[in-house]
């Protein structure tokens, strides 16, 4: 079992003056990235999109029926991936933010 740091212990056991607890580093990163929980339909759509995207190096963001593609990919992937994602059932629009590496 990994050893907890002093900061980890304090974060879990000592409440702040407003009775809240300090966020973990992961929670802080999610807040910076704008973490948002997906509903069941968005989760299903994300699974379908991720099966097409695979290990291309692209990341996927789902907001209702809009899919945002980000990441550095090769030219062939940048040309074909947005069209493949548009063809997936449930995709309303695709925002292509892919960059050719």
PDB file of N, CA and C in Angstrom:
ATOM      1  N   UNK A   1       0.849  -1.183   0.000  1.00  0.00           N
ATOM      2  CA  UNK A   1       0.000   0.000   0.000  1.00  0.00           C
ATOM      3  C   UNK A   1       0.891   1.241   0.000  1.00  0.00           C
ATOM      4  N   UNK A   2       0.632   2.204  -0.900  1.00  0.00           N
ATOM      5  CA  UNK A   2       1.479   3.392  -0.950  1.00  0.00           C
ATOM      6  C   UNK A   2       1.300   4.239   0.311  1.00  0.00           C
ATOM      7  N   UNK A   3       2.384   4.865   0.727  1.00  0.00           N
ATOM      8  CA  UNK A   3       2.332   5.724   1.900  1.00  0.00           C
ATOM      9  C   UNK A   3       1.635   7.031   1.555  1.00  0.00           C
ATOM     10  N   UNK A   4       0.830   7.495   2.484  1.00  0.00           N
ATOM     11  CA  UNK A   4       0.148   8.775   2.297  1.00  0.00           C
ATOM     12  C   UNK A   4       1.073   9.902   2.726  1.00  0.00           C
ATOM     13  N   UNK A   5       1.014  10.990   2.009  1.00  0.00           N
ATOM     14  CA  UNK A   5       1.781  12.164   2.403  1.00  0.00           C
ATOM     15  C   UNK A   5       1.008  12.914   3.479  1.00  0.00           C
ATOM     16  N   UNK A   6       1.689  13.816   4.127  1.00  0.00           N
ATOM     17  CA  UNK A   6       1.037  14.644   5.150  1.00  0.00           C
ATOM     18  C   UNK A   6      -0.140  15.385   4.535  1.00  0.00           C
ATOM     19  N   UNK A   7       0.053  15.912   3.322  1.00  0.00           N
ATOM     20  CA  UNK A   7      -1.008  16.662   2.642  1.00  0.00           C
ATOM     21  C   UNK A   7      -2.224  15.770   2.370  1.00  0.00           C
ATOM     22  N   UNK A   8      -1.991  14.517   1.966  1.00  0.00           N
ATOM     23  CA  UNK A   8      -3.104  13.586   1.733  1.00  0.00           C
ATOM     24  C   UNK A   8      -3.893  13.341   3.010  1.00  0.00           C
ATOM     25  N   UNK A   9      -3.185  13.143   4.114  1.00  0.00           N
ATOM     26  CA  UNK A   9      -3.845  12.879   5.386  1.00  0.00           C
ATOM     27  C   UNK A   9      -4.663  14.075   5.832  1.00  0.00           C
ATOM     28  N   UNK A  10      -4.078  15.266   5.745  1.00  0.00           N
ATOM     29  CA  UNK A  10      -4.793  16.480   6.154  1.00  0.00           C
ATOM     30  C   UNK A  10      -6.015  16.708   5.268  1.00  0.00           C
ATOM     31  N   UNK A  11      -5.867  16.490   3.979  1.00  0.00           N
ATOM     32  CA  UNK A  11      -6.963  16.714   3.049  1.00  0.00           C
ATOM     33  C   UNK A  11      -8.166  15.833   3.400  1.00  0.00           C
ATOM     34  N   UNK A  12      -7.907  14.608   3.835  1.00  0.00           N
ATOM     35  CA  UNK A  12      -8.987  13.664   4.122  1.00  0.00           C
ATOM     36  C   UNK A  12      -9.564  13.802   5.521  1.00  0.00           C
ATOM     37  N   UNK A  13      -8.811  14.360   6.468  1.00  0.00           N
ATOM     38  CA  UNK A  13      -9.255  14.333   7.859  1.00  0.00           C
ATOM     39  C   UNK A  13      -9.533  15.681   8.490  1.00  0.00           C
ATOM     40  N   UNK A  14      -8.990  16.753   7.960  1.00  0.00           N
ATOM     41  CA  UNK A  14      -9.140  18.067   8.596  1.00  0.00           C
ATOM     42  C   UNK A  14     -10.030  18.950   7.733  1.00  0.00           C
ATOM     43  N   UNK A  15     -11.217  19.274   8.220  1.00  0.00           N
ATOM     44  CA  UNK A  15     -12.095  20.142   7.435  1.00  0.00           C
ATOM     45  C   UNK A  15     -11.598  21.582   7.411  1.00  0.00           C
ATOM     46  N   UNK A  16     -11.953  22.269   6.339  1.00  0.00           N
ATOM     47  CA  UNK A  16     -11.670  23.690   6.220  1.00  0.00           C
ATOM     48  C   UNK A  16     -12.629  24.446   7.150  1.00  0.00           C
ATOM     49  N   UNK A  17     -12.414  25.747   7.396  1.00  0.00           N
ATOM     50  CA  UNK A  17     -13.313  26.502   8.278  1.00  0.00           C
ATOM     51  C   UNK A  17     -14.782  26.468   7.851  1.00  0.00           C
ATOM     52  N   UNK A  18     -15.055  26.286   6.557  1.00  0.00           N
ATOM     53  CA  UNK A  18     -16.448  26.240   6.097  1.00  0.00           C
ATOM     54  C   UNK A  18     -16.998  24.808   6.097  1.00  0.00           C
ATOM     55  N   UNK A  19     -16.325  23.895   6.747  1.00  0.00           N
ATOM     56  CA  UNK A  19     -16.707  22.485   6.880  1.00  0.00           C
ATOM     57  C   UNK A  19     -16.487  21.665   5.613  1.00  0.00           C
ATOM     58  N   UNK A  20     -15.862  22.228   4.616  1.00  0.00           N
ATOM     59  CA  UNK A  20     -15.551  21.462   3.409  1.00  0.00           C
ATOM     60  C   UNK A  20     -14.156  20.860   3.562  1.00  0.00           C
ATOM     61  N   UNK A  21     -13.789  19.998   2.627  1.00  0.00           N
ATOM     62  CA  UNK A  21     -12.459  19.417   2.623  1.00  0.00           C
ATOM     63  C   UNK A  21     -11.720  19.890   1.386  1.00  0.00           C
ATOM     64  N   UNK A  22     -10.402  20.002   1.482  1.00  0.00           N
ATOM     65  CA  UNK A  22      -9.604  20.453   0.342  1.00  0.00           C
ATOM     66  C   UNK A  22      -9.676  19.434  -0.783  1.00  0.00           C
ATOM     67  N   UNK A  23      -9.706  19.889  -2.028  1.00  0.00           N
ATOM     68  CA  UNK A  23      -9.768  18.952  -3.149  1.00  0.00           C
ATOM     69  C   UNK A  23      -8.430  18.246  -3.351  1.00  0.00           C
ATOM     70  N   UNK A  24      -8.512  17.068  -3.936  1.00  0.00           N
ATOM     71  CA  UNK A  24      -7.303  16.320  -4.264  1.00  0.00           C
ATOM     72  C   UNK A  24      -6.664  16.932  -5.520  1.00  0.00           C
ATOM     73  N   UNK A  25      -5.415  16.602  -5.800  1.00  0.00           N
ATOM     74  CA  UNK A  25      -4.786  17.106  -7.034  1.00  0.00           C
ATOM     75  C   UNK A  25      -5.578  16.715  -8.287  1.00  0.00           C
ATOM     76  N   UNK A  26      -6.161  15.502  -8.287  1.00  0.00           N
ATOM     77  CA  UNK A  26      -6.963  15.075  -9.432  1.00  0.00           C
ATOM     78  C   UNK A  26      -8.207  15.947  -9.588  1.00  0.00           C
ATOM     79  N   UNK A  27      -8.853  16.271  -8.475  1.00  0.00           N
ATOM     80  CA  UNK A  27     -10.038  17.125  -8.528  1.00  0.00           C
ATOM     81  C   UNK A  27      -9.679  18.531  -8.997  1.00  0.00           C
ATOM     82  N   UNK A  28      -8.536  19.026  -8.589  1.00  0.00           N
ATOM     83  CA  UNK A  28      -8.080  20.352  -9.035  1.00  0.00           C
ATOM     84  C   UNK A  28      -7.860  20.335 -10.540  1.00  0.00           C
ATOM     85  N   UNK A  29      -7.210  19.262 -11.060  1.00  0.00           N
ATOM     86  CA  UNK A  29      -6.969  19.156 -12.502  1.00  0.00           C
ATOM     87  C   UNK A  29      -8.281  19.071 -13.263  1.00  0.00           C
ATOM     88  N   UNK A  30      -9.239  18.292 -12.748  1.00  0.00           N
ATOM     89  CA  UNK A  30     -10.542  18.184 -13.406  1.00  0.00           C
ATOM     90  C   UNK A  30     -11.243  19.535 -13.438  1.00  0.00           C
ATOM     91  N   UNK A  31     -11.118  20.313 -12.381  1.00  0.00           N
ATOM     92  CA  UNK A  31     -11.740  21.638 -12.347  1.00  0.00           C
ATOM     93  C   UNK A  31     -11.106  22.556 -13.397  1.00  0.00           C
ATOM     94  N   UNK A  32      -9.793  22.457 -13.565  1.00  0.00           N
ATOM     95  CA  UNK A  32      -9.114  23.270 -14.578  1.00  0.00           C
ATOM     96  C   UNK A  32      -9.548  22.869 -15.978  1.00  0.00           C
ATOM     97  N   UNK A  33      -9.779  21.575 -16.176  1.00  0.00           N
ATOM     98  CA  UNK A  33     -10.167  21.073 -17.494  1.00  0.00           C
ATOM     99  C   UNK A  33     -11.655  21.233 -17.754  1.00  0.00           C
ATOM    100  N   UNK A  34     -12.407  21.614 -16.736  1.00  0.00           N
ATOM    101  CA  UNK A  34     -13.840  21.782 -16.907  1.00  0.00           C
ATOM    102  C   UNK A  34     -14.578  20.456 -16.862  1.00  0.00           C
ATOM    103  N   UNK A  35     -14.217  19.587 -15.942  1.00  0.00           N
ATOM    104  CA  UNK A  35     -14.845  18.274 -15.821  1.00  0.00           C
ATOM    105  C   UNK A  35     -16.362  18.417 -15.697  1.00  0.00           C
ATOM    106  N   UNK A  36     -17.059  17.586 -16.446  1.00  0.00           N
ATOM    107  CA  UNK A  36     -18.518  17.565 -16.403  1.00  0.00           C
ATOM    108  C   UNK A  36     -18.959  16.125 -16.541  1.00  0.00           C
ATOM    109  N   UNK A  37     -19.818  15.687 -15.636  1.00  0.00           N
ATOM    110  CA  UNK A  37     -20.311  14.310 -15.695  1.00  0.00           C
ATOM    111  C   UNK A  37     -21.228  14.145 -16.904  1.00  0.00           C
ATOM    112  N   UNK A  38     -21.101  13.034 -17.606  1.00  0.00           N
ATOM    113  CA  UNK A  38     -21.926  12.750 -18.772  1.00  0.00           C
ATOM    114  C   UNK A  38     -23.181  12.002 -18.352  1.00  0.00           C
ATOM    115  N   UNK A  39     -24.303  12.308 -19.019  1.00  0.00           N
ATOM    116  CA  UNK A  39     -25.522  11.535 -18.747  1.00  0.00           C
ATOM    117  C   UNK A  39     -25.424  10.209 -19.514  1.00  0.00           C
ATOM    118  N   UNK A  40     -26.410   9.344 -19.347  1.00  0.00           N
ATOM    119  CA  UNK A  40     -26.354   7.998 -19.933  1.00  0.00           C
ATOM    120  C   UNK A  40     -26.244   8.032 -21.460  1.00  0.00           C
ATOM    121  N   UNK A  41     -26.997   8.919 -22.121  1.00  0.00           N
ATOM    122  CA  UNK A  41     -26.934   9.011 -23.586  1.00  0.00           C
ATOM    123  C   UNK A  41     -25.551   9.476 -24.042  1.00  0.00           C
ATOM    124  N   UNK A  42     -24.986  10.453 -23.330  1.00  0.00           N
ATOM    125  CA  UNK A  42     -23.658  10.948 -23.687  1.00  0.00           C
ATOM    126  C   UNK A  42     -22.601   9.873 -23.457  1.00  0.00           C
ATOM    127  N   UNK A  43     -22.748   9.090 -22.404  1.00  0.00           N
ATOM    128  CA  UNK A  43     -21.800   8.007 -22.145  1.00  0.00           C
ATOM    129  C   UNK A  43     -21.843   6.962 -23.262  1.00  0.00           C
ATOM    130  N   UNK A  44     -23.051   6.624 -23.713  1.00  0.00           N
ATOM    131  CA  UNK A  44     -23.186   5.655 -24.803  1.00  0.00           C
ATOM    132  C   UNK A  44     -22.564   6.202 -26.085  1.00  0.00           C
ATOM    133  N   UNK A  45     -22.811   7.481 -26.379  1.00  0.00           N
ATOM    134  CA  UNK A  45     -22.233   8.105 -27.565  1.00  0.00           C
ATOM    135  C   UNK A  45     -20.710   8.147 -27.452  1.00  0.00           C
ATOM    136  N   UNK A  46     -20.205   8.478 -26.276  1.00  0.00           N
ATOM    137  CA  UNK A  46     -18.758   8.522 -26.080  1.00  0.00           C
ATOM    138  C   UNK A  46     -18.138   7.145 -26.335  1.00  0.00           C
ATOM    139  N   UNK A  47     -18.784   6.098 -25.875  1.00  0.00           N
ATOM    140  CA  UNK A  47     -18.267   4.742 -26.102  1.00  0.00           C
ATOM    141  C   UNK A  47     -18.213   4.419 -27.589  1.00  0.00           C
ATOM    142  N   UNK A  48     -19.267   4.798 -28.337  1.00  0.00           N
ATOM    143  CA  UNK A  48     -19.275   4.542 -29.785  1.00  0.00           C
ATOM    144  C   UNK A  48     -18.167   5.333 -30.478  1.00  0.00           C
ATOM    145  N   UNK A  49     -17.998   6.602 -30.079  1.00  0.00           N
ATOM    146  CA  UNK A  49     -16.967   7.445 -30.706  1.00  0.00           C
ATOM    147  C   UNK A  49     -15.577   6.916 -30.362  1.00  0.00           C
ATOM    148  N   UNK A  50     -15.353   6.559 -29.104  1.00  0.00           N
ATOM    149  CA  UNK A  50     -14.031   6.062 -28.705  1.00  0.00           C
ATOM    150  C   UNK A  50     -13.671   4.761 -29.431  1.00  0.00           C
ATOM    151  N   UNK A  51     -14.678   3.948 -29.771  1.00  0.00           N
ATOM    152  CA  UNK A  51     -14.379   2.714 -30.505  1.00  0.00           C
ATOM    153  C   UNK A  51     -13.874   3.038 -31.912  1.00  0.00           C
ATOM    154  N   UNK A  52     -14.327   4.139 -32.487  1.00  0.00           N
ATOM    155  CA  UNK A  52     -13.854   4.557 -33.814  1.00  0.00           C
ATOM    156  C   UNK A  52     -12.507   5.264 -33.706  1.00  0.00           C
ATOM    157  N   UNK A  53     -12.366   6.122 -32.704  1.00  0.00           N
ATOM    158  CA  UNK A  53     -11.131   6.901 -32.549  1.00  0.00           C
ATOM    159  C   UNK A  53      -9.965   5.989 -32.185  1.00  0.00           C
ATOM    160  N   UNK A  54     -10.218   5.003 -31.319  1.00  0.00           N
ATOM    161  CA  UNK A  54      -9.184   4.038 -30.953  1.00  0.00           C
ATOM    162  C   UNK A  54      -7.939   4.692 -30.409  1.00  0.00           C
ATOM    163  N   UNK A  55      -6.788   4.263 -30.902  1.00  0.00           N
ATOM    164  CA  UNK A  55      -5.499   4.754 -30.403  1.00  0.00           C
ATOM    165  C   UNK A  55      -4.844   5.718 -31.390  1.00  0.00           C
ATOM    166  N   UNK A  56      -5.652   6.572 -31.985  1.00  0.00           N
ATOM    167  CA  UNK A  56      -5.130   7.526 -32.962  1.00  0.00           C
ATOM    168  C   UNK A  56      -4.365   8.673 -32.323  1.00  0.00           C
ATOM    169  N   UNK A  57      -4.531   8.855 -31.008  1.00  0.00           N
ATOM    170  CA  UNK A  57      -3.892   9.982 -30.335  1.00  0.00           C
ATOM    171  C   UNK A  57      -4.846  11.146 -30.150  1.00  0.00           C
ATOM    172  N   UNK A  58      -6.055  11.025 -30.669  1.00  0.00           N
ATOM    173  CA  UNK A  58      -7.054  12.074 -30.534  1.00  0.00           C
ATOM    174  C   UNK A  58      -7.818  11.889 -29.224  1.00  0.00           C
ATOM    175  N   UNK A  59      -8.219  13.005 -28.624  1.00  0.00           N
ATOM    176  CA  UNK A  59      -9.078  12.945 -27.449  1.00  0.00           C
ATOM    177  C   UNK A  59     -10.482  13.346 -27.865  1.00  0.00           C
ATOM    178  N   UNK A  60     -11.454  12.886 -27.092  1.00  0.00           N
ATOM    179  CA  UNK A  60     -12.862  13.070 -27.424  1.00  0.00           C
ATOM    180  C   UNK A  60     -13.549  13.794 -26.282  1.00  0.00           C
ATOM    181  N   UNK A  61     -14.358  14.781 -26.629  1.00  0.00           N
ATOM    182  CA  UNK A  61     -15.194  15.463 -25.647  1.00  0.00           C
ATOM    183  C   UNK A  61     -16.624  15.452 -26.182  1.00  0.00           C
ATOM    184  N   UNK A  62     -17.561  15.033 -25.347  1.00  0.00           N
ATOM    185  CA  UNK A  62     -18.964  14.921 -25.746  1.00  0.00           C
ATOM    186  C   UNK A  62     -19.786  15.948 -24.988  1.00  0.00           C
ATOM    187  N   UNK A  63     -20.581  16.718 -25.700  1.00  0.00           N
ATOM    188  CA  UNK A  63     -21.556  17.630 -25.096  1.00  0.00           C
ATOM    189  C   UNK A  63     -22.855  17.437 -25.869  1.00  0.00           C
ATOM    190  N   UNK A  64     -23.798  16.773 -25.220  1.00  0.00           N
ATOM    191  CA  UNK A  64     -25.060  16.362 -25.840  1.00  0.00           C
ATOM    192  C   UNK A  64     -24.766  15.538 -27.091  1.00  0.00           C
ATOM    193  N   UNK A  65     -25.042  16.066 -28.297  1.00  0.00           N
ATOM    194  CA  UNK A  65     -24.742  15.297 -29.509  1.00  0.00           C
ATOM    195  C   UNK A  65     -23.568  15.884 -30.291  1.00  0.00           C
ATOM    196  N   UNK A  66     -22.861  16.839 -29.672  1.00  0.00           N
ATOM    197  CA  UNK A  66     -21.688  17.450 -30.313  1.00  0.00           C
ATOM    198  C   UNK A  66     -20.420  16.737 -29.844  1.00  0.00           C
ATOM    199  N   UNK A  67     -19.577  16.377 -30.780  1.00  0.00           N
ATOM    200  CA  UNK A  67     -18.311  15.698 -30.489  1.00  0.00           C
ATOM    201  C   UNK A  67     -17.176  16.643 -30.855  1.00  0.00           C
ATOM    202  N   UNK A  68     -16.263  16.859 -29.918  1.00  0.00           N
ATOM    203  CA  UNK A  68     -15.079  17.667 -30.168  1.00  0.00           C
ATOM    204  C   UNK A  68     -13.881  16.740 -30.204  1.00  0.00           C
ATOM    205  N   UNK A  69     -13.122  16.816 -31.292  1.00  0.00           N
ATOM    206  CA  UNK A  69     -11.910  16.009 -31.457  1.00  0.00           C
ATOM    207  C   UNK A  69     -10.702  16.911 -31.286  1.00  0.00           C
ATOM    208  N   UNK A  70      -9.787  16.504 -30.415  1.00  0.00           N
ATOM    209  CA  UNK A  70      -8.566  17.283 -30.182  1.00  0.00           C
ATOM    210  C   UNK A  70      -7.376  16.336 -30.205  1.00  0.00           C
ATOM    211  N   UNK A  71      -6.210  16.915 -30.453  1.00  0.00           N
ATOM    212  CA  UNK A  71      -4.983  16.133 -30.371  1.00  0.00           C
ATOM    213  C   UNK A  71      -4.135  16.279 -31.612  1.00  0.00           C
ATOM    214  N   UNK A  72      -2.912  15.794 -31.505  1.00  0.00           N
ATOM    215  CA  UNK A  72      -1.966  15.813 -32.618  1.00  0.00           C
ATOM    216  C   UNK A  72      -1.970  14.434 -33.270  1.00  0.00           C
ATOM    217  N   UNK A  73      -2.345  14.393 -34.537  1.00  0.00           N
ATOM    218  CA  UNK A  73      -2.452  13.134 -35.277  1.00  0.00           C
ATOM    219  C   UNK A  73      -1.754  13.281 -36.624  1.00  0.00           C
ATOM    220  N   UNK A  74      -1.555  12.150 -37.314  1.00  0.00           N
ATOM    221  CA  UNK A  74      -0.938  12.228 -38.646  1.00  0.00           C
ATOM    222  C   UNK A  74      -1.954  12.750 -39.670  1.00  0.00           C
ATOM    223  N   UNK A  75      -1.483  13.107 -40.830  1.00  0.00           N
ATOM    224  CA  UNK A  75      -2.323  13.726 -41.864  1.00  0.00           C
ATOM    225  C   UNK A  75      -3.477  12.832 -42.292  1.00  0.00           C
ATOM    226  N   UNK A  76      -3.207  11.555 -42.485  1.00  0.00           N
ATOM    227  CA  UNK A  76      -4.256  10.636 -42.930  1.00  0.00           C
ATOM    228  C   UNK A  76      -5.382  10.554 -41.888  1.00  0.00           C
ATOM    229  N   UNK A  77      -5.015  10.482 -40.624  1.00  0.00           N
ATOM    230  CA  UNK A  77      -6.005  10.421 -39.552  1.00  0.00           C
ATOM    231  C   UNK A  77      -6.804  11.713 -39.490  1.00  0.00           C
ATOM    232  N   UNK A  78      -6.128  12.838 -39.629  1.00  0.00           N
ATOM    233  CA  UNK A  78      -6.805  14.139 -39.584  1.00  0.00           C
ATOM    234  C   UNK A  78      -7.809  14.264 -40.727  1.00  0.00           C
ATOM    235  N   UNK A  79      -7.527  13.640 -41.862  1.00  0.00           N
ATOM    236  CA  UNK A  79      -8.440  13.710 -43.002  1.00  0.00           C
ATOM    237  C   UNK A  79      -9.654  12.801 -42.842  1.00  0.00           C
ATOM    238  N   UNK A  80      -9.467  11.596 -42.294  1.00  0.00           N
ATOM    239  CA  UNK A  80     -10.558  10.623 -42.257  1.00  0.00           C
ATOM    240  C   UNK A  80     -11.365  10.612 -40.967  1.00  0.00           C
ATOM    241  N   UNK A  81     -10.743  10.925 -39.831  1.00  0.00           N
ATOM    242  CA  UNK A  81     -11.405  10.753 -38.539  1.00  0.00           C
ATOM    243  C   UNK A  81     -12.678  11.590 -38.362  1.00  0.00           C
ATOM    244  N   UNK A  82     -12.686  12.880 -38.703  1.00  0.00           N
ATOM    245  CA  UNK A  82     -13.929  13.648 -38.535  1.00  0.00           C
ATOM    246  C   UNK A  82     -15.104  13.060 -39.321  1.00  0.00           C
ATOM    247  N   UNK A  83     -14.850  12.591 -40.538  1.00  0.00           N
ATOM    248  CA  UNK A  83     -15.927  11.998 -41.342  1.00  0.00           C
ATOM    249  C   UNK A  83     -16.414  10.680 -40.740  1.00  0.00           C
ATOM    250  N   UNK A  84     -15.489   9.887 -40.219  1.00  0.00           N
ATOM    251  CA  UNK A  84     -15.875   8.626 -39.578  1.00  0.00           C
ATOM    252  C   UNK A  84     -16.734   8.901 -38.346  1.00  0.00           C
ATOM    253  N   UNK A  85     -16.378   9.916 -37.574  1.00  0.00           N
ATOM    254  CA  UNK A  85     -17.145  10.246 -36.370  1.00  0.00           C
ATOM    255  C   UNK A  85     -18.521  10.792 -36.749  1.00  0.00           C
ATOM    256  N   UNK A  86     -18.602  11.614 -37.807  1.00  0.00           N
ATOM    257  CA  UNK A  86     -19.903  12.139 -38.256  1.00  0.00           C
ATOM    258  C   UNK A  86     -20.864  11.020 -38.628  1.00  0.00           C
ATOM    259  N   UNK A  87     -20.333   9.896 -39.090  1.00  0.00           N
ATOM    260  CA  UNK A  87     -21.164   8.778 -39.538  1.00  0.00           C
ATOM    261  C   UNK A  87     -21.713   7.935 -38.377  1.00  0.00           C
ATOM    262  N   UNK A  88     -21.278   8.189 -37.174  1.00  0.00           N
ATOM    263  CA  UNK A  88     -21.724   7.414 -36.015  1.00  0.00           C
ATOM    264  C   UNK A  88     -23.136   7.836 -35.629  1.00  0.00           C
ATOM    265  N   UNK A  89     -23.979   6.842 -35.323  1.00  0.00           N
ATOM    266  CA  UNK A  89     -25.359   7.111 -34.903  1.00  0.00           C
ATOM    267  C   UNK A  89     -25.363   7.959 -33.630  1.00  0.00           C
ATOM    268  N   UNK A  90     -26.104   9.058 -33.652  1.00  0.00           N
ATOM    269  CA  UNK A  90     -26.235   9.915 -32.484  1.00  0.00           C
ATOM    270  C   UNK A  90     -25.379  11.162 -32.522  1.00  0.00           C
ATOM    271  N   UNK A  91     -24.438  11.237 -33.457  1.00  0.00           N
ATOM    272  CA  UNK A  91     -23.578  12.415 -33.560  1.00  0.00           C
ATOM    273  C   UNK A  91     -24.314  13.490 -34.345  1.00  0.00           C
ATOM    274  N   UNK A  92     -24.510  14.651 -33.712  1.00  0.00           N
ATOM    275  CA  UNK A  92     -25.178  15.762 -34.377  1.00  0.00           C
ATOM    276  C   UNK A  92     -24.200  16.649 -35.115  1.00  0.00           C
ATOM    277  N   UNK A  93     -23.057  16.907 -34.494  1.00  0.00           N
ATOM    278  CA  UNK A  93     -22.030  17.741 -35.131  1.00  0.00           C
ATOM    279  C   UNK A  93     -20.656  17.345 -34.593  1.00  0.00           C
ATOM    280  N   UNK A  94     -19.635  17.671 -35.379  1.00  0.00           N
ATOM    281  CA  UNK A  94     -18.270  17.362 -35.011  1.00  0.00           C
ATOM    282  C   UNK A  94     -17.471  18.652 -35.070  1.00  0.00           C
ATOM    283  N   UNK A  95     -16.808  18.977 -33.975  1.00  0.00           N
ATOM    284  CA  UNK A  95     -15.909  20.124 -33.937  1.00  0.00           C
ATOM    285  C   UNK A  95     -14.489  19.575 -34.069  1.00  0.00           C
ATOM    286  N   UNK A  96     -13.870  19.833 -35.194  1.00  0.00           N
ATOM    287  CA  UNK A  96     -12.551  19.287 -35.517  1.00  0.00           C
ATOM    288  C   UNK A  96     -11.469  20.243 -35.056  1.00  0.00           C
ATOM    289  N   UNK A  97     -10.782  19.893 -33.963  1.00  0.00           N
ATOM    290  CA  UNK A  97      -9.666  20.687 -33.478  1.00  0.00           C
ATOM    291  C   UNK A  97      -8.374  19.870 -33.539  1.00  0.00           C
ATOM    292  N   UNK A  98      -8.340  18.935 -34.474  1.00  0.00           N
ATOM    293  CA  UNK A  98      -7.154  18.099 -34.631  1.00  0.00           C
ATOM    294  C   UNK A  98      -6.019  18.904 -35.260  1.00  0.00           C
ATOM    295  N   UNK A  99      -4.802  18.591 -34.855  1.00  0.00           N
ATOM    296  CA  UNK A  99      -3.619  19.247 -35.371  1.00  0.00           C
ATOM    297  C   UNK A  99      -2.739  18.163 -35.993  1.00  0.00           C
ATOM    298  N   UNK A 100      -2.206  18.444 -37.182  1.00  0.00           N
ATOM    299  CA  UNK A 100      -1.336  17.482 -37.849  1.00  0.00           C
ATOM    300  C   UNK A 100       0.058  17.609 -37.252  1.00  0.00           C
ATOM    301  N   UNK A 101       0.598  16.459 -36.805  1.00  0.00           N
ATOM    302  CA  UNK A 101       1.943  16.488 -36.205  1.00  0.00           C
ATOM    303  C   UNK A 101       3.005  16.249 -37.234  1.00  0.00           C
TER     304      UNK A 101
END
